[in-house]
Amino acid sequence: MELTPDFLLNKIPVGKWVRFVVEYLTDNFDDQFRMFSGALEWIIQQTIHLLSMIDPMILILIICAASYFVHRDWKLVIGVGIAMIMILNLGYWEQTIETVALVIFATGVSVIVGIPLGIAAAHHRWLFMLMRPILDLMQTIPTFVYLIPTLMLFGLGMVPGLISTVIFAIPAPIRLTYLGVTSVPSQLIDAGKAFGASKMQLLWKVELPHALPTIMAGLTQCIMLSLSMVVIAALVGADGLGKPVIRALNSVNIAQGFEAGLAIVLVAIILDRLLKQPEQAKQGMKG
């Protein structure tokens, strides 16, 4: 005996709806999307070109000096320097520059959009309730699924990889900014109000300073998520360390695959250590 109602057997055409929207955008706004894609890719390529003009050893010295200035830890500086020299020795310096540029742009977009959304969600409960299922969808849907529409809209190159990376990484700063702001003790808020602070003054002088460690954790997580998309972005034409990994997979080249994977790991370690708070970085280098 069939217990399932007939209306449940009729498939909801979700895929057809999405295809209709993408095809409508492609048919009516293709020139605008391609213009945006070309302009953004030009900016990324110019950034890569400028970084590539600097001699690798000089750039390594600059990064090491900056890491010492921020963290005042010689062990961290030595570790960062050895990791970058290892990448240079493996022959993946140019691809590393391309990957770092992509990560910087993806993280920048994610932070510029994500932190204000997180703050707004923390002050408006209904907004967070509305955003939460969307954020869950962005983080759990297979990345190959939204590579298809971004590829159709923006074509091959850095831009579809960048857009896909932002979609995957932006929930981290939104969620952790929301968590940091909502975790501010009510006593601090009440004290600020008692001194006559406005809402903007409470935000800038009470809430954000208290939430800063959590927001920085969201930034670090955003960078790690962006870096994890490197190989996926290479499938749609993005340059960087993902390309040698894809080539190694296609040719079953174990040596090339391991070396490119090691370079990605080293980049992740460097970025993670540099962005941690000084005491956390010391513990990380000891660990």
Protein backbone atom coordinates (compact mmCIF):
# COMPACT_ATOMS: atom_id res chain seq x y z
CA MET A 1 0.00 0.00 0.00
CA GLU A 2 1.47 3.36 -1.06
CA LEU A 3 1.46 5.82 1.86
CA THR A 4 3.40 8.66 0.25
CA PRO A 5 1.10 11.50 -0.88
CA ASP A 6 1.09 12.19 -4.60
CA PHE A 7 2.26 15.80 -4.19
CA LEU A 8 5.50 14.61 -2.53
CA LEU A 9 6.32 12.51 -5.60
CA ASN A 10 6.37 15.60 -7.81
CA LYS A 11 9.92 16.91 -7.91
CA ILE A 12 10.44 20.56 -6.98
CA PRO A 13 12.40 22.01 -9.95
CA VAL A 14 15.04 23.79 -7.84
CA GLY A 15 17.77 23.06 -10.38
CA LYS A 16 15.67 24.46 -13.24
CA TRP A 17 15.01 27.64 -11.26
CA VAL A 18 18.74 28.17 -10.63
CA ARG A 19 19.54 27.41 -14.29
CA PHE A 20 16.89 29.92 -15.40
CA VAL A 21 18.41 32.65 -13.20
CA VAL A 22 21.97 31.96 -14.38
CA GLU A 23 20.93 31.81 -18.03
CA TYR A 24 18.92 35.04 -17.66
CA LEU A 25 21.95 36.81 -16.18
CA THR A 26 24.24 35.38 -18.86
CA ASP A 27 21.92 36.37 -21.71
CA ASN A 28 21.20 39.89 -20.47
CA PHE A 29 24.28 40.99 -18.55
CA ASP A 30 27.12 39.01 -20.12
CA ASP A 31 29.04 42.12 -21.23
CA GLN A 32 28.84 43.66 -17.76
CA PHE A 33 29.99 40.47 -16.06
CA ARG A 34 32.89 40.09 -18.50
CA MET A 35 33.87 43.73 -18.04
CA PHE A 36 33.86 43.32 -14.25
CA SER A 37 35.83 40.09 -14.58
CA GLY A 38 38.42 41.69 -16.85
CA ALA A 39 38.90 44.71 -14.58
CA LEU A 40 39.24 42.61 -11.43
CA GLU A 41 41.61 40.15 -13.09
CA TRP A 42 43.75 43.07 -14.31
CA ILE A 43 44.04 44.39 -10.74
CA ILE A 44 45.03 40.95 -9.43
CA GLN A 45 47.54 40.41 -12.23
CA GLN A 46 49.12 43.83 -11.64
CA THR A 47 49.47 43.00 -7.94
CA ILE A 48 51.14 39.71 -8.83
CA HIS A 49 53.41 41.53 -11.30
CA LEU A 50 54.50 44.07 -8.68
CA LEU A 51 55.27 41.35 -6.13
CA SER A 52 57.13 39.33 -8.76
CA MET A 53 59.35 42.31 -9.60
CA ILE A 54 60.84 42.18 -6.10
CA ASP A 55 63.81 39.84 -5.77
CA PRO A 56 62.73 36.76 -3.76
CA MET A 57 65.49 37.14 -1.16
CA ILE A 58 64.65 40.81 -0.63
CA LEU A 59 60.96 39.96 -0.21
CA ILE A 60 61.87 37.21 2.26
CA LEU A 61 63.96 39.69 4.27
CA ILE A 62 61.11 42.23 4.25
CA ILE A 63 58.60 39.64 5.52
CA CYS A 64 61.02 38.42 8.19
CA ALA A 65 61.66 42.00 9.35
CA ALA A 66 57.92 42.69 9.48
CA SER A 67 57.30 39.49 11.46
CA TYR A 68 59.97 40.47 14.00
CA PHE A 69 58.54 44.00 14.25
CA VAL A 70 55.08 42.60 15.03
CA HIS A 71 55.96 39.59 17.21
CA ARG A 72 59.48 40.29 18.58
CA ASP A 73 60.27 36.59 18.38
CA TRP A 74 63.47 35.40 16.70
CA LYS A 75 62.28 31.80 16.63
CA LEU A 76 59.24 32.83 14.62
CA VAL A 77 61.39 34.90 12.26
CA ILE A 78 63.80 32.01 11.66
CA GLY A 79 60.93 29.58 11.10
CA VAL A 80 59.22 31.90 8.59
CA GLY A 81 62.50 32.52 6.79
CA ILE A 82 63.32 28.81 6.49
CA ALA A 83 59.80 28.04 5.22
CA MET A 84 60.00 30.70 2.49
CA ILE A 85 63.50 29.64 1.44
CA MET A 86 62.18 26.08 1.22
CA ILE A 87 59.40 27.25 -1.12
CA LEU A 88 61.96 29.11 -3.24
CA ASN A 89 64.18 26.04 -3.35
CA LEU A 90 61.29 23.83 -4.49
CA GLY A 91 60.77 26.12 -7.47
CA TYR A 92 57.27 27.30 -6.58
CA TRP A 93 57.99 30.91 -5.69
CA GLU A 94 56.05 32.41 -8.62
CA GLN A 95 53.04 30.16 -7.97
CA THR A 96 53.21 31.06 -4.29
CA ILE A 97 53.04 34.78 -5.12
CA GLU A 98 49.97 34.10 -7.28
CA THR A 99 48.34 32.08 -4.51
CA VAL A 100 49.05 34.69 -1.83
CA ALA A 101 47.63 37.44 -4.07
CA LEU A 102 44.43 35.42 -4.58
CA VAL A 103 44.17 34.74 -0.84
CA ILE A 104 44.73 38.42 0.00
CA PHE A 105 42.00 39.59 -2.37
CA ALA A 106 39.55 36.87 -1.25
CA THR A 107 40.23 37.60 2.42
CA GLY A 108 39.96 41.35 1.87
CA VAL A 109 36.55 41.04 0.23
CA SER A 110 35.37 38.56 2.88
CA VAL A 111 36.46 40.82 5.75
CA ILE A 112 35.12 44.06 4.23
CA VAL A 113 31.71 42.44 3.71
CA GLY A 114 31.72 39.91 6.56
CA ILE A 115 32.62 42.03 9.59
CA PRO A 116 29.89 44.67 9.04
CA LEU A 117 27.36 41.88 8.43
CA GLY A 118 28.48 40.16 11.63
CA ILE A 119 28.10 43.39 13.61
CA ALA A 120 24.66 44.01 12.11
CA ALA A 121 23.61 40.43 12.89
CA ALA A 122 24.77 40.82 16.49
CA HIS A 123 22.56 43.89 16.93
CA HIS A 124 19.56 42.52 15.05
CA ARG A 125 18.63 38.99 16.07
CA TRP A 126 16.19 38.59 13.15
CA LEU A 127 18.99 39.29 10.68
CA PHE A 128 21.16 36.52 12.11
CA MET A 129 18.22 34.09 12.04
CA LEU A 130 17.75 34.99 8.38
CA MET A 131 21.45 34.67 7.55
CA ARG A 132 22.19 31.46 9.44
CA PRO A 133 20.69 28.96 6.93
CA ILE A 134 22.36 30.86 4.08
CA LEU A 135 25.74 30.67 5.85
CA ASP A 136 25.20 26.96 6.51
CA LEU A 137 24.47 26.45 2.81
CA MET A 138 27.57 28.40 1.74
CA GLN A 139 29.83 26.33 3.98
CA THR A 140 28.37 22.89 3.32
CA ILE A 141 27.41 22.86 -0.35
CA PRO A 142 30.11 21.14 -2.48
CA THR A 143 32.39 23.79 -3.95
CA PHE A 144 32.14 22.31 -7.43
CA VAL A 145 28.43 23.20 -7.46
CA TYR A 146 28.91 26.97 -7.37
CA LEU A 147 31.95 26.79 -9.63
CA ILE A 148 29.53 26.09 -12.49
CA PRO A 149 27.53 29.36 -12.34
CA THR A 150 30.61 31.49 -11.55
CA LEU A 151 32.38 29.94 -14.54
CA MET A 152 29.41 30.69 -16.81
CA LEU A 153 29.12 34.28 -15.59
CA PHE A 154 32.77 35.30 -15.37
CA GLY A 155 34.60 32.88 -17.72
CA LEU A 156 37.92 31.15 -17.12
CA GLY A 157 40.57 32.84 -15.00
CA MET A 158 41.22 34.23 -11.55
CA VAL A 159 37.82 35.86 -11.03
CA PRO A 160 35.55 32.75 -10.85
CA GLY A 161 38.11 31.20 -8.50
CA LEU A 162 38.09 34.39 -6.41
CA ILE A 163 34.27 34.56 -6.27
CA SER A 164 34.04 30.88 -5.32
CA THR A 165 36.68 31.37 -2.63
CA VAL A 166 34.80 34.33 -1.17
CA ILE A 167 31.54 32.36 -1.07
CA PHE A 168 33.31 29.56 0.81
CA ALA A 169 35.32 31.76 3.21
CA ILE A 170 33.00 34.66 4.07
CA PRO A 171 30.86 32.78 6.64
CA ALA A 172 33.87 32.60 9.00
CA PRO A 173 34.26 36.37 9.63
CA ILE A 174 30.49 36.80 9.78
CA ARG A 175 29.98 34.08 12.38
CA LEU A 176 32.99 34.95 14.55
CA THR A 177 32.28 38.69 14.46
CA TYR A 178 28.72 37.91 15.55
CA LEU A 179 30.05 35.65 18.30
CA GLY A 180 32.59 38.24 19.50
CA VAL A 181 30.11 41.11 19.65
CA THR A 182 27.34 39.10 21.30
CA SER A 183 29.78 37.79 23.94
CA VAL A 184 30.53 41.27 25.30
CA PRO A 185 29.50 41.23 29.00
CA SER A 186 26.35 43.19 29.71
CA GLN A 187 28.15 44.94 32.60
CA LEU A 188 30.48 46.65 30.11
CA ILE A 189 27.54 47.76 27.98
CA ASP A 190 25.71 49.10 31.04
CA ALA A 191 28.83 50.94 32.19
CA GLY A 192 29.21 52.57 28.80
CA LYS A 193 25.58 53.64 28.78
CA ALA A 194 25.95 55.01 32.32
CA PHE A 195 28.73 57.31 31.08
CA GLY A 196 26.46 58.54 28.29
CA ALA A 197 28.04 56.68 25.38
CA SER A 198 26.09 56.62 22.13
CA LYS A 199 25.51 53.42 20.14
CA MET A 200 28.46 54.17 17.86
CA GLN A 201 30.71 54.93 20.85
CA LEU A 202 29.64 51.67 22.49
CA LEU A 203 30.48 49.83 19.28
CA TRP A 204 33.93 51.36 18.73
CA LYS A 205 35.09 51.75 22.34
CA VAL A 206 33.47 48.79 24.12
CA GLU A 207 32.16 46.06 21.81
CA LEU A 208 34.82 45.92 19.09
CA PRO A 209 37.85 46.09 21.45
CA HIS A 210 36.39 43.24 23.53
CA ALA A 211 35.50 41.24 20.41
CA LEU A 212 38.83 41.88 18.64
CA PRO A 213 40.49 38.51 19.54
CA THR A 214 37.45 36.63 18.21
CA ILE A 215 37.35 38.78 15.07
CA MET A 216 41.06 38.10 14.49
CA ALA A 217 40.37 34.38 14.86
CA GLY A 218 37.74 34.80 12.16
CA LEU A 219 40.31 36.53 9.96
CA THR A 220 42.80 33.70 10.42
CA GLN A 221 40.13 31.09 9.71
CA CYS A 222 39.06 33.05 6.61
CA ILE A 223 42.64 32.96 5.29
CA MET A 224 42.95 29.23 5.93
CA LEU A 225 39.64 28.57 4.17
CA SER A 226 40.72 30.73 1.23
CA LEU A 227 43.98 28.82 0.99
CA SER A 228 42.12 25.52 1.04
CA MET A 229 40.32 26.64 -2.14
CA VAL A 230 43.55 27.03 -4.11
CA VAL A 231 43.32 23.64 -5.84
CA ILE A 232 39.60 24.06 -6.53
CA ALA A 233 40.16 27.51 -8.06
CA ALA A 234 42.83 26.07 -10.36
CA LEU A 235 40.14 23.94 -12.01
CA VAL A 236 38.55 27.11 -13.45
CA GLY A 237 41.79 28.68 -14.65
CA ALA A 238 43.11 30.44 -11.54
CA ASP A 239 46.89 30.56 -11.30
CA GLY A 240 48.87 29.54 -8.25
CA LEU A 241 49.92 26.42 -6.40
CA GLY A 242 46.75 24.60 -7.41
CA LYS A 243 47.90 24.25 -11.02
CA PRO A 244 50.91 21.98 -10.34
CA VAL A 245 48.71 19.89 -8.06
CA ILE A 246 46.17 19.43 -10.87
CA ARG A 247 48.95 18.61 -13.36
CA ALA A 248 50.44 16.09 -10.94
CA LEU A 249 47.02 14.48 -10.49
CA ASN A 250 46.45 14.23 -14.24
CA SER A 251 49.89 12.74 -14.90
CA VAL A 252 50.10 10.71 -11.64
CA ASN A 253 53.33 12.57 -10.82
CA ILE A 254 53.92 11.75 -7.15
CA ALA A 255 57.02 13.95 -6.78
CA GLN A 256 55.39 17.06 -8.24
CA GLY A 257 52.20 16.54 -6.27
CA PHE A 258 54.03 16.16 -2.97
CA GLU A 259 56.26 19.19 -3.57
CA ALA A 260 53.34 21.44 -4.57
CA GLY A 261 51.33 20.17 -1.60
CA LEU A 262 54.28 20.87 0.72
CA ALA A 263 54.49 24.42 -0.64
CA ILE A 264 50.78 24.95 0.14
CA VAL A 265 51.31 23.64 3.68
CA LEU A 266 54.28 25.98 4.20
CA VAL A 267 52.26 28.98 3.00
CA ALA A 268 49.44 28.03 5.38
CA ILE A 269 51.85 27.74 8.33
CA ILE A 270 53.49 31.09 7.54
CA LEU A 271 50.18 32.94 7.28
CA ASP A 272 48.83 31.27 10.41
CA ARG A 273 51.89 32.13 12.52
CA LEU A 274 52.13 35.71 11.28
CA LEU A 275 48.49 36.50 12.02
CA LYS A 276 48.36 35.02 15.50
CA GLN A 277 48.74 37.11 18.61
CA PRO A 278 52.41 37.24 19.77
CA GLU A 279 51.98 34.85 22.68
CA GLN A 280 50.00 32.42 20.52
CA ALA A 281 52.69 32.49 17.84
CA LYS A 282 55.37 31.62 20.39
CA GLN A 283 53.37 28.66 21.62
CA GLY A 284 52.72 27.57 18.00
CA MET A 285 56.43 27.64 17.10
CA LYS A 286 57.28 25.67 20.25
CA GLY A 287 54.54 23.15 19.41
